[in-house]
Every structure is written in C-alpha cells, then in structure tokens.
C-alpha cells in the first residue's frame, strides 16, 4: 500500500529551511492527527504551520462560520479522512462547530466551495 503521507514529507524535506529541519520520522509523528499508514490526511497545528507558514504551500480556506452550523462529529472526521486525498486542516470552536477548513488540494477546495454544503459534498463522493 502506498503511503501518501511519507511520500509528501519526503518530497517536502528538501524545501524546509535548516532552522525547521527534523527527521522524516518526527514529521510523520507530528504533522498528522492520524499517524497510521492508511490514516487520513488531517494536519495537526504543527503540520499546518509547516505547510502553510514555513513552506508557504498554496492553500484554500473554506469559511464555514456563515453557513449552517457544521457539527464536528466522529462521522465527519471519518468522511474527511476517507475521502480527501490531500492534506487539510480544520479549526473547531468551543461548541464543537467547524469554523473553517483549509485545503491543500485545489480540486477538493473548489468542489467543496462550489457544492456549498460540506456534509452533502462528502456524501456525494460515495
């Protein structure tokens, strides 16, 4: 089975400035919420900061605060983990409502934005 997380980290390592360098093993353990080989592509705060702030990778932010409340449930986490192919970062407020999601995949960001409803879009992916 292909490990997309490992491939991504190995591809990004040469671009990481010296003051932020660490081992591939450390990145695997600190960048991802689910560190299992077949786990989803959800980023931790550390992973998000590395990709967004340090590396400056292009990302797209979907603000959900103005939409119908999207409750951050285990089912939603599983759907995101199973269906998204590129890294993403989510921020949840104190009431467990999704505030925004940052996509690092342009197609996924475009489709989620155009669909207008995150949960329905994920359901449409099968």
C-alpha atoms as a PDB file:
ATOM      1  CA  UNK A   1       0.000   0.000   0.000  1.00  0.00           C
ATOM      2  CA  UNK A   2       1.271   3.423  -0.958  1.00  0.00           C
ATOM      3  CA  UNK A   3       1.962   5.811   1.918  1.00  0.00           C
ATOM      4  CA  UNK A   4       0.982   9.258   0.599  1.00  0.00           C
ATOM      5  CA  UNK A   5       1.986  10.988   3.837  1.00  0.00           C
ATOM      6  CA  UNK A   6       5.502   9.603   3.721  1.00  0.00           C
ATOM      7  CA  UNK A   7       5.845  10.472   0.018  1.00  0.00           C
ATOM      8  CA  UNK A   8       4.666  14.016   0.694  1.00  0.00           C
ATOM      9  CA  UNK A   9       7.052  14.537   3.611  1.00  0.00           C
ATOM     10  CA  UNK A  10       9.992  13.122   1.652  1.00  0.00           C
ATOM     11  CA  UNK A  11       9.165  15.459  -1.232  1.00  0.00           C
ATOM     12  CA  UNK A  12       8.937  18.495   1.050  1.00  0.00           C
ATOM     13  CA  UNK A  13      12.046  17.846   3.189  1.00  0.00           C
ATOM     14  CA  UNK A  14      14.499  19.454   0.717  1.00  0.00           C
ATOM     15  CA  UNK A  15      12.400  22.662   0.773  1.00  0.00           C
ATOM     16  CA  UNK A  16      12.332  23.017   4.572  1.00  0.00           C
ATOM     17  CA  UNK A  17      14.707  25.721   5.872  1.00  0.00           C
ATOM     18  CA  UNK A  18      17.540  24.495   8.107  1.00  0.00           C
ATOM     19  CA  UNK A  19      16.122  26.030  11.294  1.00  0.00           C
ATOM     20  CA  UNK A  20      12.922  23.952  10.827  1.00  0.00           C
ATOM     21  CA  UNK A  21      14.529  20.691   9.705  1.00  0.00           C
ATOM     22  CA  UNK A  22      13.764  17.500  11.562  1.00  0.00           C
ATOM     23  CA  UNK A  23      13.661  13.827  10.698  1.00  0.00           C
ATOM     24  CA  UNK A  24      11.103  12.158   8.473  1.00  0.00           C
ATOM     25  CA  UNK A  25      10.038  10.054  11.476  1.00  0.00           C
ATOM     26  CA  UNK A  26       9.468  13.177  13.566  1.00  0.00           C
ATOM     27  CA  UNK A  27       7.440  14.778  10.775  1.00  0.00           C
ATOM     28  CA  UNK A  28       5.322  11.630  10.402  1.00  0.00           C
ATOM     29  CA  UNK A  29       4.569  11.712  14.138  1.00  0.00           C
ATOM     30  CA  UNK A  30       3.905  15.443  14.488  1.00  0.00           C
ATOM     31  CA  UNK A  31       2.324  16.610  11.223  1.00  0.00           C
ATOM     32  CA  UNK A  32      -0.653  14.233  11.120  1.00  0.00           C
ATOM     33  CA  UNK A  33      -3.562  13.734  13.508  1.00  0.00           C
ATOM     34  CA  UNK A  34      -3.796  10.071  12.493  1.00  0.00           C
ATOM     35  CA  UNK A  35      -0.259   8.750  12.113  1.00  0.00           C
ATOM     36  CA  UNK A  36      -1.306   5.316  10.828  1.00  0.00           C
ATOM     37  CA  UNK A  37      -0.060   4.463   7.354  1.00  0.00           C
ATOM     38  CA  UNK A  38      -3.602   4.340   5.983  1.00  0.00           C
ATOM     39  CA  UNK A  39      -4.916   7.154   8.196  1.00  0.00           C
ATOM     40  CA  UNK A  40      -6.384  10.351   6.839  1.00  0.00           C
ATOM     41  CA  UNK A  41      -4.574  13.475   5.681  1.00  0.00           C
ATOM     42  CA  UNK A  42      -5.739  15.739   8.529  1.00  0.00           C
ATOM     43  CA  UNK A  43      -2.954  18.005   9.745  1.00  0.00           C
ATOM     44  CA  UNK A  44      -2.100  18.902  13.308  1.00  0.00           C
ATOM     45  CA  UNK A  45      -1.328  22.525  14.180  1.00  0.00           C
ATOM     46  CA  UNK A  46       2.359  21.681  13.683  1.00  0.00           C
ATOM     47  CA  UNK A  47       1.715  20.174  10.252  1.00  0.00           C
ATOM     48  CA  UNK A  48      -0.434  23.111   9.206  1.00  0.00           C
ATOM     49  CA  UNK A  49       2.174  25.638  10.349  1.00  0.00           C
ATOM     50  CA  UNK A  50       4.897  23.741   8.499  1.00  0.00           C
ATOM     51  CA  UNK A  51       2.976  23.577   5.225  1.00  0.00           C
ATOM     52  CA  UNK A  52       1.328  26.994   5.380  1.00  0.00           C
ATOM     53  CA  UNK A  53       3.698  29.248   7.325  1.00  0.00           C
ATOM     54  CA  UNK A  54       7.134  27.698   6.811  1.00  0.00           C
ATOM     55  CA  UNK A  55       6.830  26.258   3.298  1.00  0.00           C
ATOM     56  CA  UNK A  56       4.195  28.683   2.031  1.00  0.00           C
ATOM     57  CA  UNK A  57       2.305  25.989   0.140  1.00  0.00           C
ATOM     58  CA  UNK A  58      -0.767  27.172  -1.696  1.00  0.00           C
ATOM     59  CA  UNK A  59      -3.933  26.560   0.266  1.00  0.00           C
ATOM     60  CA  UNK A  60      -7.603  27.428   0.106  1.00  0.00           C
ATOM     61  CA  UNK A  61      -9.693  28.316   3.145  1.00  0.00           C
ATOM     62  CA  UNK A  62     -13.369  27.428   3.292  1.00  0.00           C
ATOM     63  CA  UNK A  63     -15.004  29.545   5.976  1.00  0.00           C
ATOM     64  CA  UNK A  64     -17.952  27.713   7.488  1.00  0.00           C
ATOM     65  CA  UNK A  65     -18.888  30.232  10.171  1.00  0.00           C
ATOM     66  CA  UNK A  66     -21.516  31.868   7.937  1.00  0.00           C
ATOM     67  CA  UNK A  67     -23.067  28.621   6.724  1.00  0.00           C
ATOM     68  CA  UNK A  68     -25.477  26.358   8.554  1.00  0.00           C
ATOM     69  CA  UNK A  69     -23.552  25.030  11.546  1.00  0.00           C
ATOM     70  CA  UNK A  70     -21.436  22.023  10.692  1.00  0.00           C
ATOM     71  CA  UNK A  71     -21.095  19.958  13.836  1.00  0.00           C
ATOM     72  CA  UNK A  72     -17.696  18.334  14.187  1.00  0.00           C
ATOM     73  CA  UNK A  73     -18.627  14.690  14.714  1.00  0.00           C
ATOM     74  CA  UNK A  74     -16.746  11.404  14.513  1.00  0.00           C
ATOM     75  CA  UNK A  75     -18.687  10.644  11.344  1.00  0.00           C
ATOM     76  CA  UNK A  76     -17.489  13.890   9.744  1.00  0.00           C
ATOM     77  CA  UNK A  77     -13.890  13.100  10.732  1.00  0.00           C
ATOM     78  CA  UNK A  78     -14.171   9.630   9.169  1.00  0.00           C
ATOM     79  CA  UNK A  79     -15.658  11.050   5.966  1.00  0.00           C
ATOM     80  CA  UNK A  80     -12.895  13.646   5.664  1.00  0.00           C
ATOM     81  CA  UNK A  81     -10.210  11.051   6.377  1.00  0.00           C
ATOM     82  CA  UNK A  82     -11.582   8.540   3.897  1.00  0.00           C
ATOM     83  CA  UNK A  83     -12.434  10.889   1.076  1.00  0.00           C
ATOM     84  CA  UNK A  84      -9.856  13.684   0.967  1.00  0.00           C
ATOM     85  CA  UNK A  85      -6.654  12.891  -0.915  1.00  0.00           C
ATOM     86  CA  UNK A  86      -4.666  15.997   0.027  1.00  0.00           C
ATOM     87  CA  UNK A  87      -3.715  17.430   3.412  1.00  0.00           C
ATOM     88  CA  UNK A  88      -6.278  19.570   5.183  1.00  0.00           C
ATOM     89  CA  UNK A  89      -6.501  21.433   8.457  1.00  0.00           C
ATOM     90  CA  UNK A  90      -9.655  22.088  10.442  1.00  0.00           C
ATOM     91  CA  UNK A  91     -10.431  24.531  13.199  1.00  0.00           C
ATOM     92  CA  UNK A  92     -13.295  23.859  15.577  1.00  0.00           C
ATOM     93  CA  UNK A  93     -14.758  26.312  18.065  1.00  0.00           C
ATOM     94  CA  UNK A  94     -15.541  25.634  21.699  1.00  0.00           C
ATOM     95  CA  UNK A  95     -19.053  24.335  20.886  1.00  0.00           C
ATOM     96  CA  UNK A  96     -17.658  21.676  18.536  1.00  0.00           C
ATOM     97  CA  UNK A  97     -18.793  23.555  15.452  1.00  0.00           C
ATOM     98  CA  UNK A  98     -16.495  23.610  12.464  1.00  0.00           C
ATOM     99  CA  UNK A  99     -15.196  27.140  11.861  1.00  0.00           C
ATOM    100  CA  UNK A 100     -13.149  26.576   8.748  1.00  0.00           C
ATOM    101  CA  UNK A 101     -11.258  24.005   6.774  1.00  0.00           C
ATOM    102  CA  UNK A 102      -8.034  24.716   4.906  1.00  0.00           C
ATOM    103  CA  UNK A 103      -7.480  22.551   1.853  1.00  0.00           C
ATOM    104  CA  UNK A 104      -4.072  21.928   0.307  1.00  0.00           C
ATOM    105  CA  UNK A 105      -5.685  20.353  -2.758  1.00  0.00           C
ATOM    106  CA  UNK A 106      -7.113  22.854  -5.250  1.00  0.00           C
ATOM    107  CA  UNK A 107      -9.669  20.476  -6.748  1.00  0.00           C
ATOM    108  CA  UNK A 108     -11.037  19.479  -3.351  1.00  0.00           C
ATOM    109  CA  UNK A 109     -11.236  23.116  -2.279  1.00  0.00           C
ATOM    110  CA  UNK A 110     -13.024  24.126  -5.476  1.00  0.00           C
ATOM    111  CA  UNK A 111     -15.522  21.276  -5.281  1.00  0.00           C
ATOM    112  CA  UNK A 112     -16.326  21.871  -1.588  1.00  0.00           C
ATOM    113  CA  UNK A 113     -16.777  25.592  -2.227  1.00  0.00           C
ATOM    114  CA  UNK A 114     -18.975  25.088  -5.281  1.00  0.00           C
ATOM    115  CA  UNK A 115     -21.113  22.458  -3.575  1.00  0.00           C
ATOM    116  CA  UNK A 116     -21.803  24.857  -0.699  1.00  0.00           C
ATOM    117  CA  UNK A 117     -22.531  22.201   1.930  1.00  0.00           C
ATOM    118  CA  UNK A 118     -19.555  20.278   3.300  1.00  0.00           C
ATOM    119  CA  UNK A 119     -21.520  17.296   4.616  1.00  0.00           C
ATOM    120  CA  UNK A 120     -23.564  16.881   1.432  1.00  0.00           C
ATOM    121  CA  UNK A 121     -20.456  17.233  -0.713  1.00  0.00           C
ATOM    122  CA  UNK A 122     -18.694  14.482   1.266  1.00  0.00           C
ATOM    123  CA  UNK A 123     -21.778  12.269   0.970  1.00  0.00           C
ATOM    124  CA  UNK A 124     -21.804  12.794  -2.821  1.00  0.00           C
ATOM    125  CA  UNK A 125     -18.247  11.435  -3.074  1.00  0.00           C
ATOM    126  CA  UNK A 126     -19.568   7.978  -2.315  1.00  0.00           C
END
